[in-house]
Protein backbone atom coordinates (compact mmCIF):
# COMPACT_ATOMS: atom_id res chain seq x y z
CA MET A 1 62.03 222.74 162.42
CA LYS A 2 62.17 221.29 165.91
CA ILE A 3 64.33 218.20 166.29
CA VAL A 4 62.41 215.40 167.97
CA PRO A 5 64.66 212.70 169.45
CA LEU A 6 64.18 209.08 168.42
CA THR A 7 63.11 206.37 170.83
CA THR A 8 62.57 202.63 170.90
CA ASN A 9 60.47 203.04 174.05
CA LEU A 10 57.01 203.71 172.65
CA ASN A 11 55.82 204.87 176.07
CA GLU A 12 57.88 208.04 175.56
CA THR A 13 55.04 209.80 173.76
CA GLN A 14 56.86 213.09 173.16
CA LYS A 15 59.63 211.38 171.22
CA ARG A 16 59.75 210.10 167.66
CA PRO A 17 59.29 206.33 167.21
CA TYR A 18 62.39 204.70 165.71
CA PHE A 19 60.47 203.61 162.60
CA LEU A 20 59.63 207.24 161.75
CA TRP A 21 63.29 208.24 161.70
CA ASP A 22 62.75 210.35 158.59
CA GLU A 23 60.05 212.69 159.93
CA PRO A 24 59.53 214.71 163.12
CA LEU A 25 56.34 213.02 164.34
CA THR A 26 55.94 212.01 167.98
CA VAL A 27 54.41 208.77 169.24
CA GLU A 28 51.52 210.85 170.60
CA LYS A 29 50.89 212.59 167.26
CA LEU A 30 51.01 209.27 165.40
CA HIS A 31 48.35 207.84 167.72
CA GLU A 32 46.30 211.00 167.11
CA ILE A 33 46.54 210.64 163.32
CA LEU A 34 45.62 206.97 163.43
CA SER A 35 42.58 207.60 165.62
CA SER A 36 41.57 211.07 164.40
CA GLY A 37 37.98 211.90 163.59
CA ASP A 38 34.79 210.27 164.75
CA CYS A 39 35.33 207.19 162.62
CA LYS A 40 36.96 204.12 164.07
CA LEU A 41 40.11 202.69 162.55
CA LYS A 42 39.48 199.66 164.73
CA PRO A 43 36.13 198.32 163.48
CA SER A 44 34.20 195.58 165.17
CA VAL A 45 34.34 192.11 163.66
CA SER A 46 31.10 192.77 161.74
CA GLU A 47 32.62 195.94 160.26
CA VAL A 48 35.85 194.34 159.05
CA ASN A 49 34.75 194.09 155.41
CA ALA A 50 32.88 197.39 155.42
CA LYS A 51 34.15 200.39 153.48
CA PRO A 52 35.66 203.26 155.48
CA LYS A 53 32.94 205.54 156.83
CA ALA A 54 32.12 208.66 154.87
CA CYS A 55 33.09 210.98 157.73
CA VAL A 56 36.77 210.34 156.98
CA SER A 57 37.95 212.46 154.07
CA GLU A 58 39.88 210.66 151.36
CA ALA A 59 42.95 212.80 152.12
CA ASN A 60 42.81 211.90 155.82
CA MET A 61 42.26 208.24 155.02
CA ASP A 62 45.22 208.31 152.64
CA LYS A 63 47.41 209.87 155.35
CA ARG A 64 46.29 207.21 157.83
CA LEU A 65 46.92 204.41 155.33
CA ASN A 66 50.40 205.78 154.61
CA TYR A 67 51.28 205.73 158.30
CA MET A 68 49.71 202.31 158.77
CA ALA A 69 51.81 200.99 155.87
CA LYS A 70 54.95 202.62 157.26
CA ILE A 71 54.32 200.94 160.61
CA LEU A 72 53.81 197.57 158.90
CA ARG A 73 57.00 198.05 156.85
CA GLU A 74 59.35 199.53 159.42
CA ALA A 75 58.24 198.71 162.98
CA ARG A 76 59.18 195.54 164.80
CA PHE A 77 56.39 192.98 164.70
CA GLU A 78 55.64 193.34 168.42
CA HIS A 79 55.46 197.14 168.12
CA VAL A 80 52.94 197.09 165.27
CA TRP A 81 50.21 196.18 167.74
CA GLU A 82 50.92 199.29 169.83
CA PHE A 83 49.38 201.28 166.96
CA LEU A 84 47.20 198.91 164.95
CA SER A 85 44.86 196.01 165.59
CA VAL A 86 44.39 192.88 163.52
CA GLN A 87 41.02 194.39 162.58
CA ASP A 88 42.84 197.48 161.23
CA LEU A 89 44.95 195.22 159.07
CA LEU A 90 41.99 193.18 157.80
CA ALA A 91 39.68 196.14 157.21
CA ASN A 92 42.28 198.02 155.21
CA TRP A 93 44.25 195.18 153.64
CA GLU A 94 43.21 195.84 150.04
CA ARG A 95 44.32 199.47 150.31
CA LEU A 96 47.46 198.66 152.32
CA LYS A 97 49.02 195.74 150.48
CA GLY A 98 50.25 197.84 147.56
CA ARG A 99 52.08 200.13 149.98
CA LEU A 100 54.05 197.43 151.79
CA GLY A 101 56.87 196.81 149.34
CA ARG A 102 59.15 193.94 150.37
CA LYS A 103 57.09 193.39 153.55
CA LYS A 104 53.93 192.44 151.65
CA ALA A 105 54.86 188.73 151.58
CA PHE A 106 55.64 188.83 155.30
CA TRP A 107 52.15 190.12 156.15
CA GLU A 108 50.44 187.82 153.62
CA PHE A 109 52.15 184.89 155.33
CA PHE A 110 50.84 185.93 158.76
CA LEU A 111 47.31 186.58 157.51
CA ARG A 112 47.25 183.22 155.73
CA LYS A 113 48.56 181.34 158.80
CA TRP A 114 46.22 183.14 161.19
CA LYS A 115 43.29 182.17 158.92
CA GLU A 116 44.48 178.55 158.63
CA HIS A 117 44.64 178.30 162.44
CA GLY A 118 41.25 179.95 162.89
CA LEU A 119 42.70 182.95 164.71
CA ILE A 120 40.96 185.40 162.37
C-alpha cells in the first residue's frame, strides 16, 4: 500500500486531507468520489428536498454519504465547504444525521440558526 502524506493544505490535491488520517485517499480522489457519476451532489434549491437520482447506485450513494459524514465530523468548519455545499447538507440531512455521532448537535445548531436568520 502506498503511503500518502497528510496535509492541512487542501490545495495539495495529491496528498491526504488531515481528516482522512486513517485511509490513503487523496484530496483529488475525495473530490472525485463526492462528484462521481452524472448525478449532482449539489442540487439546485428546487431539488433540495428531492430524493437522490436513480443514476446513483445505492452502494455509491452510501460511500458518498460516509465520506460526507466523515467530513462533517472530522474537518474544520471552514474546510467542510471545500468539499460540500449547504445544499449537500440539506439534501442529504436525513441520511447523514445518524452518521454524525457527537457532531450531530453541532450541525443541528447551525442548520437551526441559519433557518432562523433566513440564510437557508
